[in-house]
Amino acid sequence: MATKETIRELVEKLTTIENEIKLLQSDKKDLMSSYTDRLDVKAFRAAWMAMKAKKRVDESEFDQILDELERNISID
């Protein structure tokens, strides 16, 4: 059975981590905002997400599927 102290300790640690995540998200937002006058941030984010997705799967199959989608599907 968990003690009150153990629960309190866990809550404090989780709260600290969640606060750090919020700070990092704010830093990330500020960083991206600082580049809006130098590059298309929206395009960069899309490329960043695609690059990360590509690293999680077989790259050659990813490229093949992406090529096929670009040739045959029109998204307006």
Protein backbone atom coordinates (compact mmCIF):
# COMPACT_ATOMS: atom_id res chain seq x y z
CA MET A 1 0.00 0.00 0.00
CA ALA A 2 1.35 3.42 -0.98
CA THR A 3 2.00 5.85 1.82
CA LYS A 4 0.92 9.48 1.77
CA GLU A 5 4.59 10.44 1.61
CA THR A 6 5.18 8.27 -1.46
CA ILE A 7 2.14 9.72 -3.22
CA ARG A 8 3.15 13.27 -2.32
CA GLU A 9 6.68 12.61 -3.59
CA LEU A 10 5.37 11.25 -6.89
CA VAL A 11 2.98 14.17 -7.32
CA GLU A 12 5.81 16.66 -6.69
CA LYS A 13 8.10 14.96 -9.21
CA LEU A 14 5.37 14.74 -11.86
CA THR A 15 4.42 18.37 -11.28
CA THR A 16 8.05 19.41 -11.71
CA ILE A 17 8.35 17.46 -14.96
CA GLU A 18 5.08 18.87 -16.30
CA ASN A 19 6.22 22.41 -15.48
CA GLU A 20 9.55 21.79 -17.24
CA ILE A 21 7.69 20.48 -20.29
CA LYS A 22 5.57 23.66 -20.37
CA LEU A 23 8.73 25.77 -20.19
CA LEU A 24 10.34 23.80 -23.00
CA GLN A 25 7.20 24.13 -25.14
CA SER A 26 7.26 27.88 -24.56
CA ASP A 27 10.97 28.00 -25.46
CA LYS A 28 10.24 26.02 -28.64
CA LYS A 29 7.43 28.42 -29.59
CA ASP A 30 9.69 31.43 -28.96
CA LEU A 31 12.49 29.86 -31.01
CA MET A 32 10.22 29.22 -33.97
CA SER A 33 8.81 32.74 -33.72
CA SER A 34 12.31 34.18 -33.85
CA TYR A 35 12.80 32.57 -37.28
CA THR A 36 9.57 33.73 -38.93
CA ASP A 37 11.34 36.58 -40.72
CA ARG A 38 14.10 34.31 -42.07
CA LEU A 39 12.21 31.23 -43.30
CA ASP A 40 8.77 29.77 -43.80
CA VAL A 41 8.26 28.29 -40.34
CA LYS A 42 5.15 26.38 -41.41
CA ALA A 43 7.08 24.65 -44.21
CA PHE A 44 9.97 23.97 -41.83
CA ARG A 45 7.62 22.33 -39.30
CA ALA A 46 6.11 20.14 -42.02
CA ALA A 47 9.59 19.12 -43.22
CA TRP A 48 10.71 18.48 -39.63
CA MET A 49 7.69 16.23 -38.98
CA ALA A 50 8.25 14.37 -42.27
CA MET A 51 11.92 13.84 -41.43
CA LYS A 52 11.05 12.48 -37.99
CA ALA A 53 8.38 10.19 -39.47
CA LYS A 54 10.83 8.95 -42.09
CA LYS A 55 13.34 7.98 -39.39
CA ARG A 56 10.72 5.82 -37.62
CA VAL A 57 10.00 3.62 -40.65
CA ASP A 58 11.77 2.02 -43.60
CA GLU A 59 13.05 5.05 -45.52
CA SER A 60 12.88 3.52 -48.99
CA GLU A 61 9.28 2.42 -48.51
CA PHE A 62 8.41 5.83 -47.05
CA ASP A 63 9.90 7.53 -50.12
CA GLN A 64 8.09 5.15 -52.47
CA ILE A 65 4.73 5.76 -50.80
CA LEU A 66 5.30 9.52 -50.65
CA ASP A 67 6.21 9.61 -54.35
CA GLU A 68 3.08 7.66 -55.23
CA LEU A 69 0.91 9.96 -53.12
CA GLU A 70 2.41 13.07 -54.69
CA ARG A 71 1.83 11.72 -58.21
CA ASN A 72 -1.73 10.50 -57.73
CA ILE A 73 -3.44 12.45 -55.01
CA SER A 74 -4.42 16.09 -55.15
CA ILE A 75 -5.14 17.76 -51.84
CA ASP A 76 -6.69 21.20 -52.13
